[in-house]
Amino acid sequence: MKMKRVLCAAVIALAAAETFGATYYVAPAGKNTNKGTKDSPFATLNKANSVVNAGDTVWIRGGTYLHTDTNYVKNDNMFAGIHLTKSGSSDNKRIHYLAYPGEKPVIDFSKMPIANGSNNVRYTSGILIQAQYLHLKGLEVKNVPMKGESNVGVYVSRSKHIFLELIDSHHNGGSGFFVNEKGSGSGGGHLFLNCDSHDNYDPNGRQGDGQNADGFGVHYQQGGDTTKFIGCRAWWNSDDGWDFISQEFPVVIENSWAMGHGYSNYGTGKPKDGNGNGFKAGSSKTGVRHTIRNCVAWKNKASGFYANHSSGGNDWFNNTAYMNGTAFNMWASTWDANDNRTDGVVLKGSKAHVMKNNIAFPNKTAYIGGEYAAGEYNTWNLNITPKESDFVSVSDPSMTVTGRELGPLGGAFGPRQADGSLPDVDFLKLAKNSQMIDKGVNMGLKYEGKAPDLGAYEYGYVSPVIVPVDTTPKDTAVTPIVVPVDTSVAPVDTIADSTEVSVGDSTTFVRPLPQRKPNMQQPGRLFYVNGRSVNALRTGDRKASRIRTYSK
C-alpha cells in the first residue's frame, strides 16, 4: 500500500525572468580559449569562475569532466581541483552553476594530483568554495583520492549563503561535503537541498582506517547564519552520516536519511576506525543547540542519533531509528576553563536535550534517563514496544543487500522524484492501525487526527510540493528567487492561513493549507502568491507579498 508522505520542510523556488546577468557555458569538449557561449563553451569551471559576476549563470553541459590538475590555496593551505572564488551580491543575485536541463555533468577527480600528507600541505578538495551567494545544482562529484590524509569532495570554507542543490558526492577519500567556517566570524547560512553523500572512505588517514570520511560535516562556526539540510541522504560512509564536532552555531537537519555508516565498499567492508553514527550532532563546548527533526536513521553501526559529548542539548523531534547499534545516545560532557573535558555529566534544565515524538525500534537507547534528556511522548517514555506490523514496510533494499545492487534496486536510495525530493517509499511509514498514531504532542508541525503521530512520517498527510526553479536555457540568465520554508512555526491552530513575506526574503514561514478548490491539483498551480500562480510570477509579476501553500 502506498502511503502519503509528509515532509518537514519545503523550498519554494520562484523563478523570475530577469534580464540582468550574463550567461556562460561549460562542456567536456570545450576549450578555455573559447568565448563561453553555447556554441563555443569553456572547458572548466575554473575558467567560468574567472569571468562571472553577481547575477550570472553558468550552464554545465552533461558528460564526464576528468579533472587532471590542482591549484594551491594559501589561505586554507590545501590543493583544490576547482576553486570558486567569485561572489554574488545577495540571495536574489547569486552566481549560478547549473546542470544543463536534462543532462548530468559528472566531475571525476580520480586523476587529480593530491597532497602528499606532509605537515605543510595535507588536504586536497575536489571543489573548494570560498565565496558568497553561489548556487550549484545537479552536479555529480566523485573519486577525490587520498594519500596520507583524508580529502573532501565539496569543501565550503569561510563562505556565506552557499546553496547546494542536487549535488551527489561519492567515492571520495574523505568526506563527501565539509563546511569549515573557522575564522569567518559571520559566515554560514548555507542550504543543502536534496543532496546525496555516499560511499566515502579514507582507508589510511592519520586518524586511522575510515575515521574521517563523513557524509556531511559542519564545523568551527561561531557566528553568522544558520545552515540547513533539507531532503538529504547519506549512506555507506566509513565514519558518520552527519558530524558537527566543534560547531558552535546552530544547524538544522530536516527530512533527511542516514543509513549504513561505519562501513565501506558498498556496505561490505568494516573499517576498524570508522565511528558509524547516522546523525552525530554534538561536541559543542559552548552548549549550542542543533535541531534534528523528521529524520530517519537505520542500519548504522553505532547510534542512529548521537549527541557526541554535547555540553548543551539539542532538539530531537519526530525522528525514527530502526536497527541501529543504539537508537538514540545522548552522551553529554562539559569543559572547564582549561579545556579539560568531563564525560558522562547530567545536562539539566535548559541545557538538557529535548526529545519528543521519536520512535526507537527496537528501544535501544543510551544516556537518556534522568536529565540527560527531557524526553516525553517517545516510544520509550510511553512504554510502546514497536512491532513490524506497526509499519507499512520494514523491508528496503538497504536492509537486505550489499554491494552495487542497491542503486538499481531502487528503494530509499534509488532515484529521486521528478522534483528532486526523496523517493516515495513505504519503508518505515506507519500502518493504518499503528500504535504510534496520535501518540505525540503538538510541536508546531502539521498533523492529522487528534494529535501528532510518533516518528518521521505523519500517517495520511500529504507533503508540500517543491516547485523547482525554471531552468530552461535562455539567452539571458534566469535568476531564481529562493525562499526556504522553515517548519518551526507556531501550533497549527493558532496561525493564520498565510504568512506575510517579501518575495525577495531569503527565509519565510509557510504552512500547507487545506484543499480549497479542485483546480488546485493542476500542475504548476499548487503554490499561489496573492492569488496568482507561480507560473504567473515567472512572467515577471513580482509585486505579490503573500505566499500560500496548498496541499494536493
Protein backbone atom coordinates (compact mmCIF):
# COMPACT_ATOMS: atom_id res chain seq x y z
CA MET A 1 0.00 0.00 0.00
CA LYS A 2 1.31 3.40 -0.94
CA MET A 3 1.24 5.94 1.83
CA LYS A 4 1.02 9.67 1.53
CA ARG A 5 4.19 11.21 2.81
CA VAL A 6 4.90 14.28 4.89
CA LEU A 7 7.97 16.44 4.62
CA CYS A 8 9.25 18.56 7.45
CA ALA A 9 10.11 21.43 5.15
CA ALA A 10 9.81 22.60 1.60
CA VAL A 11 11.56 25.04 -0.62
CA ILE A 12 9.68 27.31 -2.95
CA ALA A 13 11.83 28.46 -5.80
CA LEU A 14 10.24 31.35 -7.61
CA ALA A 15 11.95 31.95 -10.91
CA ALA A 16 11.65 35.49 -12.15
CA ALA A 17 12.76 36.10 -15.72
CA GLU A 18 15.28 38.82 -15.05
CA THR A 19 17.25 40.36 -17.85
CA PHE A 20 20.40 41.19 -15.90
CA GLY A 21 23.39 38.88 -15.74
CA ALA A 22 25.46 37.17 -18.40
CA THR A 23 25.16 33.54 -19.47
CA TYR A 24 28.12 31.20 -19.99
CA TYR A 25 28.50 27.56 -20.97
CA VAL A 26 30.95 24.82 -19.96
CA ALA A 27 31.22 21.49 -21.82
CA PRO A 28 33.55 18.45 -21.73
CA ALA A 29 34.67 19.18 -25.32
CA GLY A 30 35.04 22.92 -24.71
CA LYS A 31 38.20 24.99 -24.61
CA ASN A 32 39.16 27.67 -22.14
CA THR A 33 40.21 29.85 -25.09
CA ASN A 34 36.61 29.83 -26.33
CA LYS A 35 34.08 32.61 -25.78
CA GLY A 36 31.99 30.65 -23.26
CA THR A 37 28.88 30.68 -25.45
CA LYS A 38 26.61 27.73 -26.14
CA ASP A 39 28.33 27.09 -29.46
CA SER A 40 31.81 27.92 -28.11
CA PRO A 41 31.86 26.71 -24.47
CA PHE A 42 34.62 26.81 -21.87
CA ALA A 43 36.23 23.56 -20.75
CA THR A 44 36.33 24.11 -16.97
CA LEU A 45 34.52 25.73 -14.09
CA ASN A 46 37.79 27.40 -13.13
CA LYS A 47 37.64 29.35 -16.36
CA ALA A 48 33.98 30.24 -15.78
CA ASN A 49 34.84 31.42 -12.26
CA SER A 50 37.41 33.83 -13.70
CA VAL A 51 34.81 35.72 -15.78
CA VAL A 52 31.50 35.61 -13.87
CA ASN A 53 29.95 38.38 -11.82
CA ALA A 54 26.94 38.64 -9.49
CA GLY A 55 23.74 37.53 -11.23
CA ASP A 56 25.50 35.50 -13.94
CA THR A 57 24.57 31.91 -14.84
CA VAL A 58 26.90 29.13 -15.96
CA TRP A 59 25.23 26.22 -17.74
CA ILE A 60 27.22 22.99 -17.35
CA ARG A 61 26.64 20.50 -20.15
CA GLY A 62 26.37 16.79 -19.46
CA GLY A 63 29.19 14.28 -19.73
CA THR A 64 32.33 13.41 -17.78
CA TYR A 65 34.89 16.05 -16.82
CA LEU A 66 38.13 14.20 -15.99
CA HIS A 67 39.92 16.75 -13.85
CA THR A 68 43.70 16.42 -14.02
CA ASP A 69 45.15 19.49 -12.27
CA THR A 70 45.07 21.26 -8.89
CA ASN A 71 45.74 24.71 -7.53
CA TYR A 72 47.42 25.55 -4.23
CA VAL A 73 45.18 27.69 -2.00
CA LYS A 74 47.36 29.51 0.52
CA ASN A 75 44.70 30.74 2.97
CA ASP A 76 43.46 27.19 3.54
CA ASN A 77 46.82 25.55 2.94
CA MET A 78 45.35 22.94 0.62
CA PHE A 79 45.13 21.96 -3.01
CA ALA A 80 41.86 22.29 -4.89
CA GLY A 81 40.79 20.95 -8.26
CA ILE A 82 38.05 23.53 -8.82
CA HIS A 83 38.29 26.76 -6.84
CA LEU A 84 35.20 29.02 -6.84
CA THR A 85 36.02 32.50 -5.53
CA LYS A 86 33.71 34.94 -7.33
CA SER A 87 30.67 36.01 -5.28
CA GLY A 88 27.09 37.00 -5.85
CA SER A 89 25.80 40.07 -4.08
CA SER A 90 22.67 38.73 -2.33
CA ASP A 91 20.33 35.74 -2.09
CA ASN A 92 18.45 37.16 -5.07
CA LYS A 93 21.53 37.86 -7.14
CA ARG A 94 23.63 34.76 -6.85
CA ILE A 95 26.13 33.32 -9.28
CA HIS A 96 24.57 30.10 -10.60
CA TYR A 97 26.42 26.98 -11.71
CA LEU A 98 23.62 24.80 -13.07
CA ALA A 99 23.50 21.44 -14.81
CA TYR A 100 22.00 21.94 -18.26
CA PRO A 101 18.37 20.73 -18.15
CA GLY A 102 18.06 17.04 -18.89
CA GLU A 103 21.84 16.46 -18.70
CA LYS A 104 24.18 15.15 -15.99
CA PRO A 105 27.63 16.69 -15.53
CA VAL A 106 29.99 14.25 -13.79
CA ILE A 107 33.23 15.66 -12.39
CA ASP A 108 35.72 12.83 -11.90
CA PHE A 109 38.79 13.68 -9.81
CA SER A 110 40.44 10.25 -9.94
CA LYS A 111 43.38 11.59 -12.00
CA MET A 112 43.86 14.76 -9.96
CA PRO A 113 47.24 15.29 -8.22
CA ILE A 114 46.80 15.31 -4.46
CA ALA A 115 48.68 16.48 -1.41
CA ASN A 116 51.27 14.05 -0.12
CA GLY A 117 50.18 14.14 3.50
CA SER A 118 53.16 16.16 4.68
CA ASN A 119 52.93 18.66 7.52
CA ASN A 120 52.99 21.51 5.01
CA VAL A 121 50.04 20.59 2.80
CA ARG A 122 47.80 17.80 3.94
CA TYR A 123 44.48 18.18 2.21
CA THR A 124 43.03 18.22 -1.29
CA SER A 125 39.47 19.15 -2.24
CA GLY A 126 37.65 18.38 -5.45
CA ILE A 127 35.59 21.57 -5.38
CA LEU A 128 36.65 24.32 -2.94
CA ILE A 129 34.17 27.17 -2.43
CA GLN A 130 35.42 30.42 -0.89
CA ALA A 131 32.71 32.87 -1.84
CA GLN A 132 29.28 34.29 -1.06
CA TYR A 133 25.87 33.76 -2.62
CA LEU A 134 26.52 30.90 -5.01
CA HIS A 135 24.04 28.29 -6.29
CA LEU A 136 25.32 24.92 -7.53
CA LYS A 137 22.80 22.43 -8.89
CA GLY A 138 22.78 19.00 -10.48
CA LEU A 139 26.47 18.02 -10.31
CA GLU A 140 27.97 14.63 -9.57
CA VAL A 141 31.35 14.80 -7.80
CA LYS A 142 33.41 11.67 -7.31
CA ASN A 143 36.73 9.92 -6.80
CA VAL A 144 38.81 12.51 -4.97
CA PRO A 145 41.73 10.25 -3.97
CA MET A 146 43.83 10.36 -0.83
CA LYS A 147 47.48 9.98 0.08
CA GLY A 148 48.19 10.07 3.80
CA GLU A 149 45.28 12.34 4.66
CA SER A 150 41.55 12.41 4.22
CA ASN A 151 40.37 14.63 1.37
CA VAL A 152 36.97 16.12 0.51
CA GLY A 153 34.57 16.06 -2.42
CA VAL A 154 32.99 19.51 -1.90
CA TYR A 155 34.64 21.86 0.61
CA VAL A 156 32.97 25.12 1.72
CA SER A 157 35.39 27.40 3.56
CA ARG A 158 34.78 30.80 5.14
CA SER A 159 31.79 31.38 2.92
CA LYS A 160 28.28 32.74 3.23
CA HIS A 161 24.90 31.67 1.84
CA ILE A 162 26.04 28.86 -0.45
CA PHE A 163 23.08 26.96 -1.93
CA LEU A 164 23.92 23.38 -2.92
CA GLU A 165 21.08 21.57 -4.67
CA LEU A 166 21.00 18.03 -6.04
CA ILE A 167 24.75 17.53 -5.62
CA ASP A 168 25.86 13.88 -5.43
CA SER A 169 29.32 13.47 -3.84
CA HIS A 170 30.60 9.92 -3.56
CA HIS A 171 33.58 7.55 -3.51
CA ASN A 172 35.94 10.22 -2.22
CA GLY A 173 38.94 9.62 0.05
CA GLY A 174 37.32 11.61 2.84
CA SER A 175 34.05 13.44 3.49
CA GLY A 176 31.55 13.99 0.74
CA PHE A 177 30.84 17.55 1.97
CA PHE A 178 32.78 19.59 4.52
CA VAL A 179 31.87 23.08 5.78
CA ASN A 180 34.64 24.91 7.64
CA GLU A 181 33.68 28.36 8.91
CA LYS A 182 36.70 28.77 11.20
CA GLY A 183 37.71 32.39 11.41
CA SER A 184 34.88 33.66 9.20
CA GLY A 185 33.00 35.36 12.04
CA SER A 186 29.79 35.90 10.09
CA GLY A 187 29.63 33.00 7.62
CA GLY A 188 27.21 30.14 7.27
CA GLY A 189 23.61 30.43 6.16
CA HIS A 190 24.18 27.59 3.70
CA LEU A 191 21.34 25.48 2.31
CA PHE A 192 21.83 21.84 1.31
CA LEU A 193 18.72 20.79 -0.58
CA ASN A 194 18.25 17.22 -1.84
CA CYS A 195 21.97 16.39 -1.77
CA ASP A 196 23.48 12.88 -1.53
CA SER A 197 26.74 11.76 0.05
CA HIS A 198 27.69 8.11 0.00
CA ASP A 199 30.44 5.52 -0.24
CA ASN A 200 33.13 7.91 1.00
CA TYR A 201 36.07 6.17 2.69
CA ASP A 202 39.54 7.21 3.90
CA PRO A 203 41.46 3.94 4.24
CA ASN A 204 44.78 5.26 5.57
CA GLY A 205 44.34 8.72 7.07
CA ARG A 206 46.22 9.91 10.15
CA GLN A 207 43.10 9.27 12.25
CA GLY A 208 43.02 5.64 11.23
CA ASP A 209 41.13 3.39 8.87
CA GLY A 210 37.85 5.12 7.96
CA GLN A 211 37.59 7.65 10.80
CA ASN A 212 37.41 10.88 8.81
CA ALA A 213 35.03 10.23 5.93
CA ASP A 214 31.64 11.65 6.91
CA GLY A 215 28.75 12.25 4.60
CA PHE A 216 28.23 15.87 5.68
CA GLY A 217 30.42 17.81 8.11
CA VAL A 218 29.78 21.31 9.52
CA HIS A 219 32.46 22.68 11.82
CA TYR A 220 34.07 25.60 13.64
CA GLN A 221 31.43 28.30 13.06
CA GLN A 222 30.95 30.76 15.94
CA GLY A 223 28.69 33.40 14.40
CA GLY A 224 26.69 34.31 11.33
CA ASP A 225 23.68 32.49 9.93
CA THR A 226 22.17 29.02 10.38
CA THR A 227 22.99 26.26 7.92
CA LYS A 228 20.18 23.86 6.96
CA PHE A 229 19.93 20.40 5.42
CA ILE A 230 16.61 19.51 3.78
CA GLY A 231 15.83 16.28 1.95
CA CYS A 232 19.43 14.99 2.04
CA ARG A 233 20.69 11.39 2.16
CA ALA A 234 23.90 9.85 3.50
CA TRP A 235 24.77 6.18 3.28
CA TRP A 236 27.72 3.81 3.48
CA ASN A 237 30.22 6.45 4.56
CA SER A 238 33.03 4.94 6.62
CA ASP A 239 32.66 7.40 9.50
CA ASP A 240 29.35 9.22 10.20
CA GLY A 241 26.43 10.48 8.15
CA TRP A 242 26.45 13.98 9.70
CA ASP A 243 29.11 15.32 12.08
CA PHE A 244 29.02 18.71 13.87
CA ILE A 245 32.15 18.41 16.03
CA SER A 246 33.37 21.83 17.23
CA GLN A 247 30.40 23.58 15.59
CA GLU A 248 29.44 26.47 17.88
CA PHE A 249 26.48 27.79 15.89
CA PRO A 250 23.09 26.11 15.33
CA VAL A 251 22.50 23.73 12.43
CA VAL A 252 19.11 22.36 11.34
CA ILE A 253 18.56 18.95 9.70
CA GLU A 254 15.09 18.19 8.33
CA ASN A 255 13.56 15.32 6.44
CA SER A 256 16.87 13.56 5.83
CA TRP A 257 18.04 9.93 5.90
CA ALA A 258 21.19 8.21 7.18
CA MET A 259 22.00 4.52 6.68
CA GLY A 260 24.90 2.09 6.90
CA HIS A 261 27.62 4.26 8.45
CA GLY A 262 30.78 2.71 9.76
CA TYR A 263 31.03 0.53 6.63
CA SER A 264 32.79 0.76 3.25
CA ASN A 265 32.85 -0.89 -0.17
CA TYR A 266 29.10 -0.69 -0.72
CA GLY A 267 28.43 -1.90 2.79
CA THR A 268 30.66 -4.99 2.61
CA GLY A 269 33.75 -3.59 4.35
CA LYS A 270 34.23 -2.84 8.05
CA PRO A 271 36.91 -0.16 8.56
CA LYS A 272 38.33 -0.68 12.02
CA ASP A 273 38.31 3.01 13.00
CA GLY A 274 35.05 4.17 11.43
CA ASN A 275 32.64 5.52 14.06
CA GLY A 276 29.38 4.62 12.38
CA ASN A 277 26.76 7.12 13.61
CA GLY A 278 23.89 8.32 11.46
CA PHE A 279 23.31 11.84 12.83
CA LYS A 280 26.18 12.96 15.10
CA ALA A 281 25.05 16.39 16.29
CA GLY A 282 27.27 17.45 19.12
CA SER A 283 30.64 18.15 20.72
CA SER A 284 29.88 21.80 21.37
CA LYS A 285 31.84 23.38 24.21
CA THR A 286 29.53 26.38 24.48
CA GLY A 287 26.28 24.43 24.56
CA VAL A 288 24.82 25.50 21.23
CA ARG A 289 21.56 23.75 20.29
CA HIS A 290 21.04 21.99 16.97
CA THR A 291 17.67 20.80 15.63
CA ILE A 292 17.11 17.36 14.11
CA ARG A 293 13.53 16.65 13.03
CA ASN A 294 11.63 14.33 10.75
CA CYS A 295 14.78 12.31 10.06
CA VAL A 296 15.28 8.56 9.69
CA ALA A 297 18.36 6.52 10.64
CA TRP A 298 18.74 2.81 10.08
CA LYS A 299 21.37 0.09 9.99
CA ASN A 300 24.15 2.36 11.33
CA LYS A 301 26.95 0.52 13.13
CA ALA A 302 26.85 2.77 16.21
CA SER A 303 23.97 5.13 17.01
CA GLY A 304 21.23 6.32 14.73
CA PHE A 305 21.12 9.65 16.59
CA TYR A 306 24.11 10.68 18.72
CA ALA A 307 24.81 13.82 20.78
CA ASN A 308 28.60 13.23 20.83
CA HIS A 309 29.78 14.86 24.06
CA SER A 310 27.37 17.75 23.74
CA SER A 311 27.62 20.29 26.57
CA GLY A 312 24.21 21.66 25.67
CA GLY A 313 21.24 19.74 24.49
CA ASN A 314 19.74 19.51 21.04
CA ASP A 315 16.11 19.39 19.91
CA TRP A 316 15.20 15.92 18.59
CA PHE A 317 11.64 15.90 17.21
CA ASN A 318 9.72 13.27 15.22
CA ASN A 319 12.65 11.07 14.25
CA THR A 320 12.66 7.33 13.51
CA ALA A 321 15.54 4.99 14.40
CA TYR A 322 15.50 1.39 13.18
CA MET A 323 18.01 -1.43 13.65
CA ASN A 324 20.99 0.71 14.64
CA GLY A 325 23.63 -0.31 17.17
CA THR A 326 21.91 2.15 19.50
CA ALA A 327 18.82 4.13 18.56
CA PHE A 328 19.44 7.37 20.49
CA ASN A 329 22.57 8.19 22.51
CA MET A 330 22.51 11.48 24.44
CA TRP A 331 26.03 11.24 25.90
CA ALA A 332 26.98 14.58 27.48
CA SER A 333 30.21 16.29 28.52
CA THR A 334 31.41 19.64 29.86
CA TRP A 335 34.67 21.58 29.51
CA ASP A 336 36.35 23.73 32.15
CA ALA A 337 38.30 26.96 31.64
CA ASN A 338 41.46 24.95 30.92
CA ASP A 339 39.71 22.98 28.18
CA ASN A 340 39.58 19.81 30.24
CA ARG A 341 36.61 17.59 29.38
CA THR A 342 34.41 15.77 31.87
CA ASP A 343 32.32 12.98 30.37
CA GLY A 344 29.05 11.48 31.49
CA VAL A 345 27.63 14.63 33.03
CA VAL A 346 23.93 15.22 33.56
CA LEU A 347 22.54 18.10 31.49
CA LYS A 348 19.93 19.98 33.48
CA GLY A 349 17.19 22.48 32.82
CA SER A 350 17.62 24.49 29.61
CA LYS A 351 20.82 22.57 28.83
CA ALA A 352 19.07 19.20 28.61
CA HIS A 353 18.24 17.57 25.30
CA VAL A 354 14.58 17.89 24.35
CA MET A 355 13.24 14.70 22.78
CA LYS A 356 9.64 14.43 21.62
CA ASN A 357 7.67 12.19 19.25
CA ASN A 358 10.60 9.89 18.45
CA ILE A 359 10.48 6.17 17.56
CA ALA A 360 13.21 3.78 18.64
CA PHE A 361 12.73 0.36 17.06
CA PRO A 362 13.87 -1.59 18.89
CA ASN A 363 14.03 0.62 22.02
CA LYS A 364 17.82 0.54 22.34
CA THR A 365 18.65 3.91 23.90
CA ALA A 366 21.59 5.16 25.96
CA TYR A 367 22.09 8.03 28.39
CA ILE A 368 18.52 9.19 28.17
CA GLY A 369 17.38 8.68 31.71
CA GLY A 370 17.32 11.37 34.36
CA GLU A 371 18.09 14.80 32.98
CA TYR A 372 20.35 13.77 30.15
CA ALA A 373 17.27 14.39 28.07
CA ALA A 374 13.94 15.98 28.82
CA GLY A 375 12.11 13.31 26.90
CA GLU A 376 8.41 12.64 26.64
CA TYR A 377 5.99 11.28 24.10
CA ASN A 378 8.67 8.93 22.73
CA THR A 379 8.19 5.20 22.38
CA TRP A 380 10.36 4.51 25.44
CA ASN A 381 8.52 7.08 27.61
CA LEU A 382 5.11 5.80 26.51
CA ASN A 383 6.08 2.16 27.10
CA ILE A 384 5.34 1.41 23.46
CA THR A 385 7.22 -1.54 22.01
CA PRO A 386 7.09 -1.10 18.23
CA LYS A 387 6.33 -4.15 16.13
CA GLU A 388 6.82 -4.80 12.44
CA SER A 389 3.06 -4.68 11.99
CA ASP A 390 3.11 -1.03 13.10
CA PHE A 391 4.74 -0.12 9.77
CA VAL A 392 3.63 -0.44 6.18
CA SER A 393 7.03 -1.99 5.47
CA VAL A 394 10.28 -2.69 7.28
CA SER A 395 11.78 -4.04 4.07
CA ASP A 396 14.03 -1.97 1.82
CA PRO A 397 16.94 -2.99 -0.41
CA SER A 398 19.27 -1.22 2.01
CA MET A 399 18.25 -3.74 4.70
CA THR A 400 18.68 -6.86 2.62
CA VAL A 401 21.54 -6.49 0.17
CA THR A 402 25.07 -5.25 -0.03
CA GLY A 403 27.16 -4.33 -2.98
CA ARG A 404 26.39 -2.43 -6.12
CA GLU A 405 22.86 -3.81 -6.40
CA LEU A 406 21.37 -1.18 -4.13
CA GLY A 407 21.03 1.62 -6.66
CA PRO A 408 19.43 -0.43 -9.43
CA LEU A 409 17.01 -1.94 -6.94
CA GLY A 410 15.62 1.46 -6.09
CA GLY A 411 14.12 1.82 -2.64
CA ALA A 412 15.22 4.56 -0.26
CA PHE A 413 18.46 5.14 -2.16
CA GLY A 414 17.06 4.77 -5.60
CA PRO A 415 16.20 7.61 -7.97
CA ARG A 416 14.71 10.78 -6.51
CA GLN A 417 11.33 12.09 -7.58
CA ALA A 418 10.98 14.42 -10.53
CA ASP A 419 11.13 17.49 -8.29
CA GLY A 420 14.33 16.22 -6.65
CA SER A 421 12.70 15.21 -3.38
CA LEU A 422 13.27 11.92 -1.59
CA PRO A 423 11.86 8.70 -3.07
CA ASP A 424 8.28 7.99 -2.06
CA VAL A 425 8.70 4.57 -0.45
CA ASP A 426 6.68 2.70 2.17
CA PHE A 427 9.73 1.85 4.28
CA LEU A 428 9.11 2.70 7.99
CA LYS A 429 5.88 4.61 7.31
CA LEU A 430 3.14 3.95 9.85
CA ALA A 431 0.47 1.37 9.06
CA LYS A 432 -3.23 2.20 9.38
CA ASN A 433 -3.63 0.72 12.86
CA SER A 434 -0.15 1.53 14.20
CA GLN A 435 0.07 2.08 17.94
CA MET A 436 2.23 5.19 17.23
CA ILE A 437 -0.61 7.13 15.54
CA ASP A 438 -1.92 10.13 17.54
CA LYS A 439 0.50 9.43 20.40
CA GLY A 440 2.65 12.55 20.04
CA VAL A 441 2.49 16.15 21.20
CA ASN A 442 2.00 19.25 19.03
CA MET A 443 5.42 20.68 18.09
CA GLY A 444 4.01 23.21 15.62
CA LEU A 445 4.11 20.88 12.63
CA LYS A 446 1.09 19.95 10.55
CA TYR A 447 -0.65 16.75 11.60
CA GLU A 448 -3.76 14.63 11.01
CA GLY A 449 -6.14 13.40 13.70
CA LYS A 450 -6.39 14.40 17.33
CA ALA A 451 -2.63 14.56 17.95
CA PRO A 452 0.64 14.23 16.02
CA ASP A 453 1.99 10.75 15.30
CA LEU A 454 5.34 9.48 16.51
CA GLY A 455 8.26 9.27 14.11
CA ALA A 456 9.26 10.94 10.87
CA TYR A 457 6.05 10.26 8.93
CA GLU A 458 2.59 11.55 9.77
CA TYR A 459 0.05 8.95 8.67
CA GLY A 460 -2.24 10.07 5.87
CA TYR A 461 -0.81 13.52 5.37
CA VAL A 462 0.34 14.99 2.07
CA SER A 463 3.67 16.76 1.95
CA PRO A 464 4.13 20.22 0.49
CA VAL A 465 5.36 20.17 -3.09
CA ILE A 466 8.76 21.55 -4.01
CA VAL A 467 8.37 23.78 -7.02
CA PRO A 468 11.64 23.60 -8.97
CA VAL A 469 13.44 26.58 -10.39
CA ASP A 470 12.67 27.22 -14.03
CA THR A 471 15.98 26.31 -15.59
CA THR A 472 15.01 26.43 -19.24
CA PRO A 473 18.04 27.82 -21.08
CA LYS A 474 17.59 31.38 -22.25
CA ASP A 475 19.79 33.91 -23.95
CA THR A 476 19.92 35.81 -20.68
CA ALA A 477 20.39 34.35 -17.26
CA VAL A 478 17.48 33.27 -15.10
CA THR A 479 17.98 34.37 -11.54
CA PRO A 480 16.00 32.21 -9.10
CA ILE A 481 14.48 33.73 -6.02
CA VAL A 482 14.87 31.01 -3.41
CA VAL A 483 12.57 31.07 -0.41
CA PRO A 484 13.37 28.24 2.06
CA VAL A 485 10.34 27.29 4.11
CA ASP A 486 11.04 26.69 7.80
CA THR A 487 8.70 24.45 9.74
CA SER A 488 9.50 25.84 13.15
CA VAL A 489 6.12 27.58 13.19
CA ALA A 490 3.52 28.20 15.83
CA PRO A 491 0.97 25.49 16.57
CA VAL A 492 -1.33 24.86 13.67
CA ASP A 493 -4.47 26.11 15.37
CA THR A 494 -3.03 29.48 16.27
CA ILE A 495 -1.72 30.84 12.99
CA ALA A 496 -3.39 32.50 10.06
CA ASP A 497 -3.91 30.96 6.66
CA SER A 498 -0.82 32.63 5.28
CA THR A 499 2.28 34.39 6.45
CA GLU A 500 3.38 37.72 5.04
CA VAL A 501 6.74 37.71 3.35
CA SER A 502 8.54 39.78 0.81
CA VAL A 503 9.28 37.77 -2.31
CA GLY A 504 12.88 38.79 -2.06
CA ASP A 505 13.28 37.47 1.51
CA SER A 506 15.63 34.54 1.95
CA THR A 507 13.51 32.80 4.59
CA THR A 508 9.83 32.67 5.38
CA PHE A 509 7.42 30.51 7.28
CA VAL A 510 4.81 28.95 5.06
CA ARG A 511 2.22 26.46 6.12
CA PRO A 512 0.30 23.99 3.96
CA LEU A 513 -3.36 24.91 3.60
CA PRO A 514 -6.24 22.55 3.08
CA GLN A 515 -7.51 21.95 -0.40
CA ARG A 516 -9.92 24.74 -1.29
CA LYS A 517 -10.68 24.26 -4.97
CA PRO A 518 -10.45 21.20 -7.22
CA ASN A 519 -8.36 23.03 -9.79
CA MET A 520 -5.56 23.43 -7.27
CA GLN A 521 -4.47 19.95 -8.29
CA GLN A 522 -3.50 21.13 -11.72
CA PRO A 523 0.28 21.03 -12.41
CA GLY A 524 2.09 24.22 -11.60
CA ARG A 525 -0.76 25.72 -9.57
CA LEU A 526 -0.07 24.28 -6.12
CA PHE A 527 1.65 27.44 -4.89
CA TYR A 528 -0.10 30.81 -5.01
CA VAL A 529 1.06 34.30 -4.18
CA ASN A 530 -1.78 36.82 -3.64
CA GLY A 531 -4.00 34.66 -5.74
CA ARG A 532 -1.51 34.43 -8.61
CA SER A 533 0.14 31.17 -9.56
CA VAL A 534 3.89 30.60 -9.59
CA ASN A 535 3.61 30.44 -13.35
CA ALA A 536 2.23 33.96 -13.36
CA LEU A 537 5.08 35.12 -11.20
CA ARG A 538 7.51 33.68 -13.71
CA THR A 539 6.15 36.07 -16.28
CA GLY A 540 7.51 38.95 -14.30
CA ASP A 541 4.87 39.91 -11.74
CA ARG A 542 6.92 40.26 -8.54
CA LYS A 543 4.66 42.62 -6.59
CA ALA A 544 2.98 39.93 -4.54
CA SER A 545 3.62 39.93 -0.84
CA ARG A 546 1.96 36.77 0.47
CA ILE A 547 2.69 33.13 -0.18
CA ARG A 548 0.08 30.42 0.23
CA THR A 549 0.83 26.73 0.03
CA TYR A 550 -1.90 24.24 -0.88
CA SER A 551 -1.88 20.52 -0.30
CA LYS A 552 -2.92 18.10 -3.01
